[in-house]
Amino acid sequence: MLALGDVMVDPSPFGGGVTSLEALSMCVPVVTSPRSQTVPGLTAGIVRALQIPAAMQNELVAESDEAYVAAAVRLLVDSRRRNEMSEAICEAYTPAAKARALAIQVRYNTWHSP
C-alpha cells in the first residue's frame, strides 16, 4: 500500500517509526514534524541517517505544523521535485544507511520497552 502513495505524512501525535522505514525503503518521501509528536525526532533521525542532501532533509523535516502541511502539499503538487526526492532517497538507501536507520529504531524500542 505504501508503494502506491506519492508522499507519506508521518502521523501525529504518534510517529510512523517502522512504517516510515518501509516507505523510505520504497523511495516514498516521508514528511515529518517532530515537534508535534510524542516521540520527537524518530522519523527525522531516520531521514538524517539516510544522508540525503541537506536541502532535501530540510524539506522532509518540518519545524512547524504549517511547514509540515506546506511540505506535503508541495511534494504532491510538484511532481518533478517529488521524483527528484524519490530518486535521492533510492540512491541513499544503501545497506549502510539502512543499518543506521534500523539502529535508530532499535534504540527507540529499547528506550521505550516495558
C-alpha atoms as a PDB file:
ATOM      1  CA  MET A   1       0.000   0.000   0.000  1.00  0.00           C
ATOM      2  CA  LEU A   2       2.842   2.417   0.801  1.00  0.00           C
ATOM      3  CA  ALA A   3       4.324   1.982  -2.671  1.00  0.00           C
ATOM      4  CA  LEU A   4       1.063   3.260  -4.177  1.00  0.00           C
ATOM      5  CA  GLY A   5       1.434   6.628  -2.453  1.00  0.00           C
ATOM      6  CA  ASP A   6       3.334   9.644  -3.741  1.00  0.00           C
ATOM      7  CA  VAL A   7       4.180  11.072  -0.310  1.00  0.00           C
ATOM      8  CA  MET A   8       3.732   9.787   3.238  1.00  0.00           C
ATOM      9  CA  VAL A   9       2.992  12.128   6.112  1.00  0.00           C
ATOM     10  CA  ASP A  10       4.385  10.981   9.439  1.00  0.00           C
ATOM     11  CA  PRO A  11       1.308  10.846  11.681  1.00  0.00           C
ATOM     12  CA  SER A  12       0.787  12.910  14.787  1.00  0.00           C
ATOM     13  CA  PRO A  13       0.901  12.575  17.738  1.00  0.00           C
ATOM     14  CA  PHE A  14       2.468   9.124  17.280  1.00  0.00           C
ATOM     15  CA  GLY A  15       5.180   8.844  14.632  1.00  0.00           C
ATOM     16  CA  GLY A  16       5.392   6.266  11.879  1.00  0.00           C
ATOM     17  CA  GLY A  17       8.579   4.503  13.043  1.00  0.00           C
ATOM     18  CA  VAL A  18       8.744   1.210  11.156  1.00  0.00           C
ATOM     19  CA  THR A  19       6.176   2.452   8.646  1.00  0.00           C
ATOM     20  CA  SER A  20       8.471   5.388   7.865  1.00  0.00           C
ATOM     21  CA  LEU A  21      11.351   2.957   7.309  1.00  0.00           C
ATOM     22  CA  GLU A  22       9.182   0.885   4.994  1.00  0.00           C
ATOM     23  CA  ALA A  23       8.045   3.919   2.986  1.00  0.00           C
ATOM     24  CA  LEU A  24      11.607   5.199   2.614  1.00  0.00           C
ATOM     25  CA  SER A  25      12.769   1.736   1.535  1.00  0.00           C
ATOM     26  CA  MET A  26      10.297   2.077  -1.345  1.00  0.00           C
ATOM     27  CA  CYS A  27      11.650   5.563  -2.155  1.00  0.00           C
ATOM     28  CA  VAL A  28       8.490   7.282  -0.928  1.00  0.00           C
ATOM     29  CA  PRO A  29       9.261  10.690   0.638  1.00  0.00           C
ATOM     30  CA  VAL A  30       8.128  10.935   4.275  1.00  0.00           C
ATOM     31  CA  VAL A  31       7.313  14.398   5.642  1.00  0.00           C
ATOM     32  CA  THR A  32       7.574  14.680   9.423  1.00  0.00           C
ATOM     33  CA  SER A  33       7.015  17.330  12.075  1.00  0.00           C
ATOM     34  CA  PRO A  34       8.988  16.252  15.168  1.00  0.00           C
ATOM     35  CA  ARG A  35       7.566  18.988  17.396  1.00  0.00           C
ATOM     36  CA  SER A  36       4.022  17.637  17.039  1.00  0.00           C
ATOM     37  CA  GLN A  37       4.846  14.077  18.030  1.00  0.00           C
ATOM     38  CA  THR A  38       5.153  12.221  21.298  1.00  0.00           C
ATOM     39  CA  VAL A  39       8.441  10.717  20.067  1.00  0.00           C
ATOM     40  CA  PRO A  40      10.114  13.795  18.589  1.00  0.00           C
ATOM     41  CA  GLY A  41      12.772  13.085  16.077  1.00  0.00           C
ATOM     42  CA  LEU A  42      12.303   9.365  15.368  1.00  0.00           C
ATOM     43  CA  THR A  43      11.409   9.713  11.682  1.00  0.00           C
ATOM     44  CA  ALA A  44      13.591  12.837  11.434  1.00  0.00           C
ATOM     45  CA  GLY A  45      16.518  10.767  12.704  1.00  0.00           C
ATOM     46  CA  ILE A  46      15.767   8.072  10.174  1.00  0.00           C
ATOM     47  CA  VAL A  47      15.662  10.649   7.350  1.00  0.00           C
ATOM     48  CA  ARG A  48      19.011  12.055   8.513  1.00  0.00           C
ATOM     49  CA  ALA A  49      20.505   8.554   8.768  1.00  0.00           C
ATOM     50  CA  LEU A  50      19.876   8.087   5.064  1.00  0.00           C
ATOM     51  CA  GLN A  51      22.137  11.071   4.374  1.00  0.00           C
ATOM     52  CA  ILE A  52      20.124  12.505   1.517  1.00  0.00           C
ATOM     53  CA  PRO A  53      21.167  16.046   0.590  1.00  0.00           C
ATOM     54  CA  ALA A  54      20.648  18.556   3.416  1.00  0.00           C
ATOM     55  CA  ALA A  55      18.236  20.689   1.385  1.00  0.00           C
ATOM     56  CA  MET A  56      16.010  17.654   0.881  1.00  0.00           C
ATOM     57  CA  GLN A  57      16.232  16.708   4.553  1.00  0.00           C
ATOM     58  CA  ASN A  58      15.056  20.221   5.405  1.00  0.00           C
ATOM     59  CA  GLU A  59      12.065  19.752   3.111  1.00  0.00           C
ATOM     60  CA  LEU A  60      11.098  16.494   4.805  1.00  0.00           C
ATOM     61  CA  VAL A  61      11.685  17.564   8.433  1.00  0.00           C
ATOM     62  CA  ALA A  62       9.315  20.448   9.140  1.00  0.00           C
ATOM     63  CA  GLU A  63       9.858  22.872  12.024  1.00  0.00           C
ATOM     64  CA  SER A  64       6.163  23.716  12.449  1.00  0.00           C
ATOM     65  CA  ASP A  65       2.731  22.326  11.662  1.00  0.00           C
ATOM     66  CA  GLU A  66       2.347  24.892   8.899  1.00  0.00           C
ATOM     67  CA  ALA A  67       5.656  23.894   7.319  1.00  0.00           C
ATOM     68  CA  TYR A  68       4.628  20.219   7.646  1.00  0.00           C
ATOM     69  CA  VAL A  69       1.448  20.768   5.640  1.00  0.00           C
ATOM     70  CA  ALA A  70       3.206  23.023   3.115  1.00  0.00           C
ATOM     71  CA  ALA A  71       5.971  20.443   2.520  1.00  0.00           C
ATOM     72  CA  ALA A  72       3.498  17.613   1.951  1.00  0.00           C
ATOM     73  CA  VAL A  73       1.378  19.715  -0.413  1.00  0.00           C
ATOM     74  CA  ARG A  74       4.466  20.960  -2.276  1.00  0.00           C
ATOM     75  CA  LEU A  75       5.633  17.388  -2.925  1.00  0.00           C
ATOM     76  CA  LEU A  76       2.164  16.301  -4.017  1.00  0.00           C
ATOM     77  CA  VAL A  77       1.815  19.215  -6.451  1.00  0.00           C
ATOM     78  CA  ASP A  78       5.379  19.384  -7.796  1.00  0.00           C
ATOM     79  CA  SER A  79       5.911  16.015  -9.478  1.00  0.00           C
ATOM     80  CA  ARG A  80       9.391  16.996 -10.697  1.00  0.00           C
ATOM     81  CA  ARG A  81      10.576  17.731  -7.156  1.00  0.00           C
ATOM     82  CA  ARG A  82       8.835  14.632  -5.809  1.00  0.00           C
ATOM     83  CA  ASN A  83      10.639  12.495  -8.417  1.00  0.00           C
ATOM     84  CA  GLU A  84      13.986  14.119  -7.532  1.00  0.00           C
ATOM     85  CA  MET A  85      13.308  13.414  -3.871  1.00  0.00           C
ATOM     86  CA  SER A  86      12.355   9.791  -4.567  1.00  0.00           C
ATOM     87  CA  GLU A  87      15.492   9.272  -6.648  1.00  0.00           C
ATOM     88  CA  ALA A  88      17.689  10.769  -3.910  1.00  0.00           C
ATOM     89  CA  ILE A  89      16.067   8.520  -1.303  1.00  0.00           C
ATOM     90  CA  CYS A  90      16.594   5.453  -3.509  1.00  0.00           C
ATOM     91  CA  GLU A  91      20.250   6.352  -4.027  1.00  0.00           C
ATOM     92  CA  ALA A  92      20.760   6.999  -0.314  1.00  0.00           C
ATOM     93  CA  TYR A  93      19.023   3.817   0.840  1.00  0.00           C
ATOM     94  CA  THR A  94      22.223   1.770   0.833  1.00  0.00           C
ATOM     95  CA  PRO A  95      22.787  -1.180   3.164  1.00  0.00           C
ATOM     96  CA  ALA A  96      24.903   1.044   5.455  1.00  0.00           C
ATOM     97  CA  ALA A  97      22.216   3.751   5.566  1.00  0.00           C
ATOM     98  CA  LYS A  98      19.539   1.151   6.211  1.00  0.00           C
ATOM     99  CA  ALA A  99      21.612  -0.194   9.126  1.00  0.00           C
ATOM    100  CA  ARG A 100      21.916   3.328  10.612  1.00  0.00           C
ATOM    101  CA  ALA A 101      18.158   3.859  10.252  1.00  0.00           C
ATOM    102  CA  LEU A 102      17.375   0.485  11.837  1.00  0.00           C
ATOM    103  CA  ALA A 103      19.738   1.274  14.715  1.00  0.00           C
ATOM    104  CA  ILE A 104      17.698   4.389  15.463  1.00  0.00           C
ATOM    105  CA  GLN A 105      14.537   2.269  15.567  1.00  0.00           C
ATOM    106  CA  VAL A 106      16.176  -0.332  17.824  1.00  0.00           C
ATOM    107  CA  ARG A 107      17.418   2.373  20.223  1.00  0.00           C
ATOM    108  CA  TYR A 108      13.910   3.814  20.357  1.00  0.00           C
ATOM    109  CA  ASN A 109      12.393   0.386  21.094  1.00  0.00           C
ATOM    110  CA  THR A 110      14.992  -0.251  23.804  1.00  0.00           C
ATOM    111  CA  TRP A 111      14.304   3.085  25.499  1.00  0.00           C
ATOM    112  CA  HIS A 112      10.524   2.596  25.391  1.00  0.00           C
ATOM    113  CA  SER A 113      10.124  -1.085  26.177  1.00  0.00           C
ATOM    114  CA  PRO A 114       8.357  -2.055  29.415  1.00  0.00           C
END
